[in-house]
């Protein structure tokens, strides 16, 4: 069994690696969601831009951007936690196997 110090260093080291690595899939997810939102805003009926309606294509795009900014941290965490767990288990098993040899 690995000692407590090494176990904690593996744990925190892999968390740091996962935090950095998960930035790319998070940006990709936000890009896909942002593009999807913009496509939905463009497909709004043309009569929605009339002055008597409270919703316009511009406000739809602004709301899409606001929601993306609101969910950045949540999406990043949802991607980071399984990535970290996967790295941690793989690294822990490799260290355990190398020590048993």
PDB file of N, CA and C in Angstrom:
ATOM      1  N   UNK A   1       0.840  -1.182   0.000  1.00  0.00           N
ATOM      2  CA  UNK A   1       0.000   0.000   0.000  1.00  0.00           C
ATOM      3  C   UNK A   1       0.885   1.246   0.000  1.00  0.00           C
ATOM      4  N   UNK A   2       0.452   2.237  -0.747  1.00  0.00           N
ATOM      5  CA  UNK A   2       1.226   3.475  -0.786  1.00  0.00           C
ATOM      6  C   UNK A   2       1.042   4.246   0.514  1.00  0.00           C
ATOM      7  N   UNK A   3       2.080   4.963   0.908  1.00  0.00           N
ATOM      8  CA  UNK A   3       1.943   5.737   2.132  1.00  0.00           C
ATOM      9  C   UNK A   3       1.023   6.933   1.913  1.00  0.00           C
ATOM     10  N   UNK A   4       0.577   7.518   3.009  1.00  0.00           N
ATOM     11  CA  UNK A   4      -0.419   8.601   2.957  1.00  0.00           C
ATOM     12  C   UNK A   4       0.065   9.806   2.161  1.00  0.00           C
ATOM     13  N   UNK A   5       1.330  10.169   2.334  1.00  0.00           N
ATOM     14  CA  UNK A   5       1.854  11.341   1.637  1.00  0.00           C
ATOM     15  C   UNK A   5       1.835  11.143   0.126  1.00  0.00           C
ATOM     16  N   UNK A   6       2.303  10.001  -0.326  1.00  0.00           N
ATOM     17  CA  UNK A   6       2.318   9.718  -1.768  1.00  0.00           C
ATOM     18  C   UNK A   6       0.901   9.633  -2.317  1.00  0.00           C
ATOM     19  N   UNK A   7      -0.010   9.062  -1.528  1.00  0.00           N
ATOM     20  CA  UNK A   7      -1.401   8.962  -1.952  1.00  0.00           C
ATOM     21  C   UNK A   7      -2.002  10.355  -2.139  1.00  0.00           C
ATOM     22  N   UNK A   8      -1.737  11.251  -1.218  1.00  0.00           N
ATOM     23  CA  UNK A   8      -2.254  12.624  -1.336  1.00  0.00           C
ATOM     24  C   UNK A   8      -1.608  13.371  -2.497  1.00  0.00           C
ATOM     25  N   UNK A   9      -0.322  13.127  -2.720  1.00  0.00           N
ATOM     26  CA  UNK A   9       0.328  13.823  -3.835  1.00  0.00           C
ATOM     27  C   UNK A   9      -0.209  13.326  -5.174  1.00  0.00           C
ATOM     28  N   UNK A  10      -0.510  12.041  -5.273  1.00  0.00           N
ATOM     29  CA  UNK A  10      -1.120  11.509  -6.495  1.00  0.00           C
ATOM     30  C   UNK A  10      -2.507  12.120  -6.677  1.00  0.00           C
ATOM     31  N   UNK A  11      -3.256  12.172  -5.585  1.00  0.00           N
ATOM     32  CA  UNK A  11      -4.608  12.714  -5.620  1.00  0.00           C
ATOM     33  C   UNK A  11      -4.615  14.162  -6.102  1.00  0.00           C
ATOM     34  N   UNK A  12      -3.812  15.021  -5.478  1.00  0.00           N
ATOM     35  CA  UNK A  12      -3.809  16.453  -5.822  1.00  0.00           C
ATOM     36  C   UNK A  12      -3.120  16.720  -7.156  1.00  0.00           C
ATOM     37  N   UNK A  13      -2.096  15.949  -7.460  1.00  0.00           N
ATOM     38  CA  UNK A  13      -1.421  16.118  -8.744  1.00  0.00           C
ATOM     39  C   UNK A  13      -2.341  15.793  -9.912  1.00  0.00           C
ATOM     40  N   UNK A  14      -3.073  14.698  -9.788  1.00  0.00           N
ATOM     41  CA  UNK A  14      -4.006  14.336 -10.848  1.00  0.00           C
ATOM     42  C   UNK A  14      -5.182  15.299 -10.931  1.00  0.00           C
ATOM     43  N   UNK A  15      -5.587  15.856  -9.805  1.00  0.00           N
ATOM     44  CA  UNK A  15      -6.640  16.876  -9.842  1.00  0.00           C
ATOM     45  C   UNK A  15      -6.165  18.108 -10.616  1.00  0.00           C
ATOM     46  N   UNK A  16      -4.933  18.524 -10.365  1.00  0.00           N
ATOM     47  CA  UNK A  16      -4.379  19.667 -11.092  1.00  0.00           C
ATOM     48  C   UNK A  16      -4.270  19.413 -12.584  1.00  0.00           C
ATOM     49  N   UNK A  17      -3.808  18.228 -12.944  1.00  0.00           N
ATOM     50  CA  UNK A  17      -3.713  17.876 -14.360  1.00  0.00           C
ATOM     51  C   UNK A  17      -5.100  17.868 -14.996  1.00  0.00           C
ATOM     52  N   UNK A  18      -6.075  17.302 -14.294  1.00  0.00           N
ATOM     53  CA  UNK A  18      -7.437  17.238 -14.827  1.00  0.00           C
ATOM     54  C   UNK A  18      -8.056  18.621 -14.983  1.00  0.00           C
ATOM     55  N   UNK A  19      -7.774  19.514 -14.039  1.00  0.00           N
ATOM     56  CA  UNK A  19      -8.300  20.884 -14.146  1.00  0.00           C
ATOM     57  C   UNK A  19      -7.778  21.570 -15.405  1.00  0.00           C
ATOM     58  N   UNK A  20      -6.523  21.337 -15.709  1.00  0.00           N
ATOM     59  CA  UNK A  20      -5.925  21.968 -16.892  1.00  0.00           C
ATOM     60  C   UNK A  20      -6.407  21.297 -18.176  1.00  0.00           C
ATOM     61  N   UNK A  21      -6.390  19.982 -18.194  1.00  0.00           N
ATOM     62  CA  UNK A  21      -6.760  19.259 -19.403  1.00  0.00           C
ATOM     63  C   UNK A  21      -8.239  19.436 -19.752  1.00  0.00           C
ATOM     64  N   UNK A  22      -9.097  19.583 -18.751  1.00  0.00           N
ATOM     65  CA  UNK A  22     -10.533  19.669 -19.022  1.00  0.00           C
ATOM     66  C   UNK A  22     -10.951  21.029 -19.574  1.00  0.00           C
ATOM     67  N   UNK A  23     -10.026  21.973 -19.681  1.00  0.00           N
ATOM     68  CA  UNK A  23     -10.361  23.277 -20.263  1.00  0.00           C
ATOM     69  C   UNK A  23     -10.742  23.114 -21.742  1.00  0.00           C
ATOM     70  N   UNK A  24     -10.035  22.288 -22.481  1.00  0.00           N
ATOM     71  CA  UNK A  24     -10.298  22.128 -23.916  1.00  0.00           C
ATOM     72  C   UNK A  24     -11.694  21.542 -24.176  1.00  0.00           C
ATOM     73  N   UNK A  25     -12.075  20.406 -23.534  1.00  0.00           N
ATOM     74  CA  UNK A  25     -13.431  19.920 -23.786  1.00  0.00           C
ATOM     75  C   UNK A  25     -14.513  20.874 -23.290  1.00  0.00           C
ATOM     76  N   UNK A  26     -14.200  21.636 -22.238  1.00  0.00           N
ATOM     77  CA  UNK A  26     -15.176  22.621 -21.755  1.00  0.00           C
ATOM     78  C   UNK A  26     -15.385  23.710 -22.797  1.00  0.00           C
ATOM     79  N   UNK A  27     -14.310  24.221 -23.376  1.00  0.00           N
ATOM     80  CA  UNK A  27     -14.443  25.231 -24.420  1.00  0.00           C
ATOM     81  C   UNK A  27     -15.154  24.688 -25.650  1.00  0.00           C
ATOM     82  N   UNK A  28     -14.881  23.438 -25.981  1.00  0.00           N
ATOM     83  CA  UNK A  28     -15.578  22.824 -27.115  1.00  0.00           C
ATOM     84  C   UNK A  28     -17.080  22.710 -26.830  1.00  0.00           C
ATOM     85  N   UNK A  29     -17.430  22.280 -25.625  1.00  0.00           N
ATOM     86  CA  UNK A  29     -18.838  22.159 -25.249  1.00  0.00           C
ATOM     87  C   UNK A  29     -19.524  23.511 -25.277  1.00  0.00           C
ATOM     88  N   UNK A  30     -18.870  24.525 -24.720  1.00  0.00           N
ATOM     89  CA  UNK A  30     -19.451  25.867 -24.740  1.00  0.00           C
ATOM     90  C   UNK A  30     -19.593  26.396 -26.167  1.00  0.00           C
ATOM     91  N   UNK A  31     -18.623  26.089 -27.020  1.00  0.00           N
ATOM     92  CA  UNK A  31     -18.713  26.492 -28.422  1.00  0.00           C
ATOM     93  C   UNK A  31     -19.887  25.841 -29.124  1.00  0.00           C
ATOM     94  N   UNK A  32     -20.059  24.534 -28.897  1.00  0.00           N
ATOM     95  CA  UNK A  32     -21.183  23.826 -29.512  1.00  0.00           C
ATOM     96  C   UNK A  32     -22.518  24.348 -28.995  1.00  0.00           C
ATOM     97  N   UNK A  33     -22.611  24.559 -27.687  1.00  0.00           N
ATOM     98  CA  UNK A  33     -23.865  25.076 -27.124  1.00  0.00           C
ATOM     99  C   UNK A  33     -24.148  26.496 -27.598  1.00  0.00           C
ATOM    100  N   UNK A  34     -23.109  27.322 -27.692  1.00  0.00           N
ATOM    101  CA  UNK A  34     -23.289  28.692 -28.173  1.00  0.00           C
ATOM    102  C   UNK A  34     -23.734  28.728 -29.625  1.00  0.00           C
ATOM    103  N   UNK A  35     -23.128  27.887 -30.442  1.00  0.00           N
ATOM    104  CA  UNK A  35     -23.513  27.814 -31.855  1.00  0.00           C
ATOM    105  C   UNK A  35     -24.942  27.310 -32.000  1.00  0.00           C
ATOM    106  N   UNK A  36     -25.293  26.316 -31.219  1.00  0.00           N
ATOM    107  CA  UNK A  36     -26.659  25.794 -31.255  1.00  0.00           C
ATOM    108  C   UNK A  36     -27.661  26.872 -30.846  1.00  0.00           C
ATOM    109  N   UNK A  37     -27.343  27.616 -29.803  1.00  0.00           N
ATOM    110  CA  UNK A  37     -28.227  28.702 -29.366  1.00  0.00           C
ATOM    111  C   UNK A  37     -28.384  29.782 -30.426  1.00  0.00           C
ATOM    112  N   UNK A  38     -27.279  30.136 -31.070  1.00  0.00           N
ATOM    113  CA  UNK A  38     -27.349  31.148 -32.133  1.00  0.00           C
ATOM    114  C   UNK A  38     -28.174  30.649 -33.311  1.00  0.00           C
ATOM    115  N   UNK A  39     -28.038  29.373 -33.641  1.00  0.00           N
ATOM    116  CA  UNK A  39     -28.840  28.818 -34.735  1.00  0.00           C
ATOM    117  C   UNK A  39     -30.321  28.835 -34.376  1.00  0.00           C
ATOM    118  N   UNK A  40     -30.639  28.552 -33.129  1.00  0.00           N
ATOM    119  CA  UNK A  40     -32.039  28.619 -32.701  1.00  0.00           C
ATOM    120  C   UNK A  40     -32.564  30.053 -32.739  1.00  0.00           C
ATOM    121  N   UNK A  41     -31.739  30.998 -32.345  1.00  0.00           N
ATOM    122  CA  UNK A  41     -32.162  32.400 -32.375  1.00  0.00           C
ATOM    123  C   UNK A  41     -32.417  32.864 -33.806  1.00  0.00           C
ATOM    124  N   UNK A  42     -31.608  32.406 -34.739  1.00  0.00           N
ATOM    125  CA  UNK A  42     -31.799  32.802 -36.142  1.00  0.00           C
ATOM    126  C   UNK A  42     -33.040  32.172 -36.757  1.00  0.00           C
ATOM    127  N   UNK A  43     -33.479  31.045 -36.198  1.00  0.00           N
ATOM    128  CA  UNK A  43     -34.651  30.358 -36.735  1.00  0.00           C
ATOM    129  C   UNK A  43     -35.955  30.861 -36.126  1.00  0.00           C
ATOM    130  N   UNK A  44     -35.864  31.893 -35.291  1.00  0.00           N
ATOM    131  CA  UNK A  44     -37.094  32.472 -34.749  1.00  0.00           C
ATOM    132  C   UNK A  44     -37.943  33.020 -35.899  1.00  0.00           C
ATOM    133  N   UNK A  45     -39.238  32.998 -35.750  1.00  0.00           N
ATOM    134  CA  UNK A  45     -40.081  33.530 -36.829  1.00  0.00           C
ATOM    135  C   UNK A  45     -39.775  35.005 -37.101  1.00  0.00           C
ATOM    136  N   UNK A  46     -39.888  35.433 -38.357  1.00  0.00           N
ATOM    137  CA  UNK A  46     -39.542  36.816 -38.691  1.00  0.00           C
ATOM    138  C   UNK A  46     -40.426  37.852 -37.998  1.00  0.00           C
ATOM    139  N   UNK A  47     -41.629  37.492 -37.650  1.00  0.00           N
ATOM    140  CA  UNK A  47     -42.516  38.478 -37.021  1.00  0.00           C
ATOM    141  C   UNK A  47     -42.171  38.725 -35.551  1.00  0.00           C
ATOM    142  N   UNK A  48     -41.191  38.033 -35.015  1.00  0.00           N
ATOM    143  CA  UNK A  48     -40.819  38.213 -33.616  1.00  0.00           C
ATOM    144  C   UNK A  48     -40.086  39.538 -33.402  1.00  0.00           C
ATOM    145  N   UNK A  49     -39.518  40.103 -34.478  1.00  0.00           N
ATOM    146  CA  UNK A  49     -38.807  41.373 -34.359  1.00  0.00           C
ATOM    147  C   UNK A  49     -39.740  42.587 -34.382  1.00  0.00           C
ATOM    148  N   UNK A  50     -41.018  42.370 -34.380  1.00  0.00           N
ATOM    149  CA  UNK A  50     -41.959  43.481 -34.377  1.00  0.00           C
ATOM    150  C   UNK A  50     -41.832  44.245 -33.060  1.00  0.00           C
ATOM    151  N   UNK A  51     -42.088  45.563 -33.088  1.00  0.00           N
ATOM    152  CA  UNK A  51     -41.908  46.372 -31.874  1.00  0.00           C
ATOM    153  C   UNK A  51     -42.819  45.975 -30.716  1.00  0.00           C
ATOM    154  N   UNK A  52     -43.948  45.344 -31.013  1.00  0.00           N
ATOM    155  CA  UNK A  52     -44.876  45.027 -29.929  1.00  0.00           C
ATOM    156  C   UNK A  52     -44.526  43.727 -29.190  1.00  0.00           C
ATOM    157  N   UNK A  53     -43.506  43.009 -29.633  1.00  0.00           N
ATOM    158  CA  UNK A  53     -43.096  41.797 -28.924  1.00  0.00           C
ATOM    159  C   UNK A  53     -41.912  42.100 -28.020  1.00  0.00           C
ATOM    160  N   UNK A  54     -41.868  41.393 -26.910  1.00  0.00           N
ATOM    161  CA  UNK A  54     -40.788  41.650 -25.948  1.00  0.00           C
ATOM    162  C   UNK A  54     -39.516  40.879 -26.300  1.00  0.00           C
ATOM    163  N   UNK A  55     -39.626  39.902 -27.175  1.00  0.00           N
ATOM    164  CA  UNK A  55     -38.471  39.093 -27.543  1.00  0.00           C
ATOM    165  C   UNK A  55     -38.007  39.468 -28.937  1.00  0.00           C
ATOM    166  N   UNK A  56     -36.735  39.611 -29.103  1.00  0.00           N
ATOM    167  CA  UNK A  56     -36.177  39.865 -30.426  1.00  0.00           C
ATOM    168  C   UNK A  56     -34.989  38.929 -30.629  1.00  0.00           C
ATOM    169  N   UNK A  57     -34.527  38.880 -31.841  1.00  0.00           N
ATOM    170  CA  UNK A  57     -33.373  38.017 -32.133  1.00  0.00           C
ATOM    171  C   UNK A  57     -32.151  38.493 -31.358  1.00  0.00           C
ATOM    172  N   UNK A  58     -31.993  39.802 -31.229  1.00  0.00           N
ATOM    173  CA  UNK A  58     -30.849  40.344 -30.489  1.00  0.00           C
ATOM    174  C   UNK A  58     -30.926  39.947 -29.010  1.00  0.00           C
ATOM    175  N   UNK A  59     -32.109  40.063 -28.417  1.00  0.00           N
ATOM    176  CA  UNK A  59     -32.226  39.681 -27.005  1.00  0.00           C
ATOM    177  C   UNK A  59     -32.068  38.176 -26.834  1.00  0.00           C
ATOM    178  N   UNK A  60     -32.458  37.405 -27.831  1.00  0.00           N
ATOM    179  CA  UNK A  60     -32.252  35.953 -27.785  1.00  0.00           C
ATOM    180  C   UNK A  60     -30.753  35.644 -27.778  1.00  0.00           C
ATOM    181  N   UNK A  61     -29.990  36.305 -28.621  1.00  0.00           N
ATOM    182  CA  UNK A  61     -28.540  36.101 -28.656  1.00  0.00           C
ATOM    183  C   UNK A  61     -27.887  36.536 -27.351  1.00  0.00           C
ATOM    184  N   UNK A  62     -28.341  37.641 -26.789  1.00  0.00           N
ATOM    185  CA  UNK A  62     -27.792  38.112 -25.510  1.00  0.00           C
ATOM    186  C   UNK A  62     -28.099  37.122 -24.391  1.00  0.00           C
ATOM    187  N   UNK A  63     -29.303  36.580 -24.390  1.00  0.00           N
ATOM    188  CA  UNK A  63     -29.665  35.592 -23.375  1.00  0.00           C
ATOM    189  C   UNK A  63     -28.857  34.312 -23.545  1.00  0.00           C
ATOM    190  N   UNK A  64     -28.596  33.924 -24.771  1.00  0.00           N
ATOM    191  CA  UNK A  64     -27.759  32.756 -25.045  1.00  0.00           C
ATOM    192  C   UNK A  64     -26.358  32.972 -24.463  1.00  0.00           C
ATOM    193  N   UNK A  65     -25.772  34.131 -24.690  1.00  0.00           N
ATOM    194  CA  UNK A  65     -24.443  34.433 -24.154  1.00  0.00           C
ATOM    195  C   UNK A  65     -24.449  34.461 -22.628  1.00  0.00           C
ATOM    196  N   UNK A  66     -25.494  35.029 -22.052  1.00  0.00           N
ATOM    197  CA  UNK A  66     -25.592  35.108 -20.595  1.00  0.00           C
ATOM    198  C   UNK A  66     -25.648  33.711 -19.975  1.00  0.00           C
ATOM    199  N   UNK A  67     -26.434  32.834 -20.589  1.00  0.00           N
ATOM    200  CA  UNK A  67     -26.534  31.474 -20.071  1.00  0.00           C
ATOM    201  C   UNK A  67     -25.219  30.709 -20.217  1.00  0.00           C
ATOM    202  N   UNK A  68     -24.505  30.942 -21.311  1.00  0.00           N
ATOM    203  CA  UNK A  68     -23.202  30.288 -21.475  1.00  0.00           C
ATOM    204  C   UNK A  68     -22.237  30.718 -20.372  1.00  0.00           C
ATOM    205  N   UNK A  69     -22.202  32.009 -20.077  1.00  0.00           N
ATOM    206  CA  UNK A  69     -21.318  32.496 -19.009  1.00  0.00           C
ATOM    207  C   UNK A  69     -21.739  31.938 -17.658  1.00  0.00           C
ATOM    208  N   UNK A  70     -23.039  31.766 -17.470  1.00  0.00           N
ATOM    209  CA  UNK A  70     -23.557  31.257 -16.211  1.00  0.00           C
ATOM    210  C   UNK A  70     -23.150  29.797 -15.984  1.00  0.00           C
ATOM    211  N   UNK A  71     -23.055  29.021 -17.060  1.00  0.00           N
ATOM    212  CA  UNK A  71     -22.787  27.590 -16.946  1.00  0.00           C
ATOM    213  C   UNK A  71     -21.327  27.195 -17.142  1.00  0.00           C
ATOM    214  N   UNK A  72     -20.432  28.138 -17.337  1.00  0.00           N
ATOM    215  CA  UNK A  72     -19.023  27.808 -17.578  1.00  0.00           C
ATOM    216  C   UNK A  72     -18.457  26.939 -16.454  1.00  0.00           C
ATOM    217  N   UNK A  73     -18.623  27.363 -15.223  1.00  0.00           N
ATOM    218  CA  UNK A  73     -18.032  26.640 -14.095  1.00  0.00           C
ATOM    219  C   UNK A  73     -18.672  25.261 -13.945  1.00  0.00           C
ATOM    220  N   UNK A  74     -19.979  25.169 -14.101  1.00  0.00           N
ATOM    221  CA  UNK A  74     -20.663  23.882 -13.952  1.00  0.00           C
ATOM    222  C   UNK A  74     -20.224  22.882 -15.015  1.00  0.00           C
ATOM    223  N   UNK A  75     -20.144  23.324 -16.248  1.00  0.00           N
ATOM    224  CA  UNK A  75     -19.704  22.435 -17.324  1.00  0.00           C
ATOM    225  C   UNK A  75     -18.263  22.003 -17.090  1.00  0.00           C
ATOM    226  N   UNK A  76     -17.421  22.938 -16.659  1.00  0.00           N
ATOM    227  CA  UNK A  76     -16.022  22.619 -16.380  1.00  0.00           C
ATOM    228  C   UNK A  76     -15.918  21.571 -15.272  1.00  0.00           C
ATOM    229  N   UNK A  77     -16.703  21.718 -14.214  1.00  0.00           N
ATOM    230  CA  UNK A  77     -16.669  20.746 -13.120  1.00  0.00           C
ATOM    231  C   UNK A  77     -17.215  19.383 -13.550  1.00  0.00           C
ATOM    232  N   UNK A  78     -18.277  19.384 -14.341  1.00  0.00           N
ATOM    233  CA  UNK A  78     -18.858  18.126 -14.802  1.00  0.00           C
ATOM    234  C   UNK A  78     -17.865  17.369 -15.677  1.00  0.00           C
ATOM    235  N   UNK A  79     -17.047  18.074 -16.422  1.00  0.00           N
ATOM    236  CA  UNK A  79     -16.033  17.416 -17.242  1.00  0.00           C
ATOM    237  C   UNK A  79     -14.798  17.062 -16.410  1.00  0.00           C
ATOM    238  N   UNK A  80     -14.430  17.905 -15.456  1.00  0.00           N
ATOM    239  CA  UNK A  80     -13.213  17.702 -14.668  1.00  0.00           C
ATOM    240  C   UNK A  80     -13.301  16.516 -13.717  1.00  0.00           C
ATOM    241  N   UNK A  81     -14.413  16.366 -13.027  1.00  0.00           N
ATOM    242  CA  UNK A  81     -14.501  15.345 -11.978  1.00  0.00           C
ATOM    243  C   UNK A  81     -14.321  13.927 -12.529  1.00  0.00           C
ATOM    244  N   UNK A  82     -15.026  13.507 -13.598  1.00  0.00           N
ATOM    245  CA  UNK A  82     -14.756  12.158 -14.107  1.00  0.00           C
ATOM    246  C   UNK A  82     -13.350  12.015 -14.700  1.00  0.00           C
ATOM    247  N   UNK A  83     -12.827  13.078 -15.298  1.00  0.00           N
ATOM    248  CA  UNK A  83     -11.473  13.032 -15.846  1.00  0.00           C
ATOM    249  C   UNK A  83     -10.464  12.821 -14.718  1.00  0.00           C
ATOM    250  N   UNK A  84     -10.647  13.565 -13.636  1.00  0.00           N
ATOM    251  CA  UNK A  84      -9.757  13.436 -12.494  1.00  0.00           C
ATOM    252  C   UNK A  84      -9.842  12.037 -11.911  1.00  0.00           C
ATOM    253  N   UNK A  85     -11.030  11.509 -11.751  1.00  0.00           N
ATOM    254  CA  UNK A  85     -11.198  10.181 -11.170  1.00  0.00           C
ATOM    255  C   UNK A  85     -10.534   9.114 -12.053  1.00  0.00           C
ATOM    256  N   UNK A  86     -10.689   9.276 -13.350  1.00  0.00           N
ATOM    257  CA  UNK A  86     -10.084   8.332 -14.292  1.00  0.00           C
ATOM    258  C   UNK A  86      -8.559   8.380 -14.195  1.00  0.00           C
ATOM    259  N   UNK A  87      -7.974   9.596 -14.177  1.00  0.00           N
ATOM    260  CA  UNK A  87      -6.525   9.742 -14.034  1.00  0.00           C
ATOM    261  C   UNK A  87      -6.045   9.179 -12.702  1.00  0.00           C
ATOM    262  N   UNK A  88      -6.763   9.499 -11.648  1.00  0.00           N
ATOM    263  CA  UNK A  88      -6.347   9.075 -10.314  1.00  0.00           C
ATOM    264  C   UNK A  88      -6.336   7.557 -10.196  1.00  0.00           C
ATOM    265  N   UNK A  89      -7.394   6.915 -10.652  1.00  0.00           N
ATOM    266  CA  UNK A  89      -7.451   5.448 -10.558  1.00  0.00           C
ATOM    267  C   UNK A  89      -6.352   4.811 -11.402  1.00  0.00           C
ATOM    268  N   UNK A  90      -6.149   5.293 -12.628  1.00  0.00           N
ATOM    269  CA  UNK A  90      -5.118   4.725 -13.491  1.00  0.00           C
ATOM    270  C   UNK A  90      -3.723   4.923 -12.894  1.00  0.00           C
ATOM    271  N   UNK A  91      -3.455   6.121 -12.376  1.00  0.00           N
ATOM    272  CA  UNK A  91      -2.146   6.407 -11.799  1.00  0.00           C
ATOM    273  C   UNK A  91      -1.924   5.611 -10.513  1.00  0.00           C
ATOM    274  N   UNK A  92      -2.939   5.532  -9.694  1.00  0.00           N
ATOM    275  CA  UNK A  92      -2.836   4.800  -8.437  1.00  0.00           C
ATOM    276  C   UNK A  92      -2.565   3.318  -8.703  1.00  0.00           C
ATOM    277  N   UNK A  93      -3.281   2.750  -9.673  1.00  0.00           N
ATOM    278  CA  UNK A  93      -3.077   1.336 -10.007  1.00  0.00           C
ATOM    279  C   UNK A  93      -1.678   1.090 -10.575  1.00  0.00           C
ATOM    280  N   UNK A  94      -1.207   2.005 -11.415  1.00  0.00           N
ATOM    281  CA  UNK A  94       0.142   1.806 -11.965  1.00  0.00           C
ATOM    282  C   UNK A  94       1.207   1.901 -10.892  1.00  0.00           C
ATOM    283  N   UNK A  95       1.046   2.816  -9.945  1.00  0.00           N
ATOM    284  CA  UNK A  95       2.012   2.927  -8.847  1.00  0.00           C
ATOM    285  C   UNK A  95       1.931   1.702  -7.942  1.00  0.00           C
ATOM    286  N   UNK A  96       0.745   1.216  -7.703  1.00  0.00           N
ATOM    287  CA  UNK A  96       0.564   0.040  -6.860  1.00  0.00           C
ATOM    288  C   UNK A  96       1.180  -1.195  -7.532  1.00  0.00           C
ATOM    289  N   UNK A  97       0.965  -1.345  -8.832  1.00  0.00           N
ATOM    290  CA  UNK A  97       1.537  -2.480  -9.568  1.00  0.00           C
ATOM    291  C   UNK A  97       3.053  -2.400  -9.637  1.00  0.00           C
ATOM    292  N   UNK A  98       3.605  -1.213  -9.818  1.00  0.00           N
ATOM    293  CA  UNK A  98       5.067  -1.081  -9.889  1.00  0.00           C
ATOM    294  C   UNK A  98       5.704  -1.348  -8.539  1.00  0.00           C
ATOM    295  N   UNK A  99       5.010  -1.056  -7.457  1.00  0.00           N
ATOM    296  CA  UNK A  99       5.557  -1.301  -6.125  1.00  0.00           C
ATOM    297  C   UNK A  99       5.501  -2.791  -5.769  1.00  0.00           C
ATOM    298  N   UNK A 100       4.525  -3.498  -6.319  1.00  0.00           N
ATOM    299  CA  UNK A 100       4.390  -4.931  -6.021  1.00  0.00           C
ATOM    300  C   UNK A 100       5.434  -5.760  -6.759  1.00  0.00           C
ATOM    301  N   UNK A 101       6.033  -5.246  -7.785  1.00  0.00           N
ATOM    302  CA  UNK A 101       7.028  -6.001  -8.574  1.00  0.00           C
ATOM    303  C   UNK A 101       8.335  -6.108  -7.869  1.00  0.00           C
TER     304      UNK A 101
END
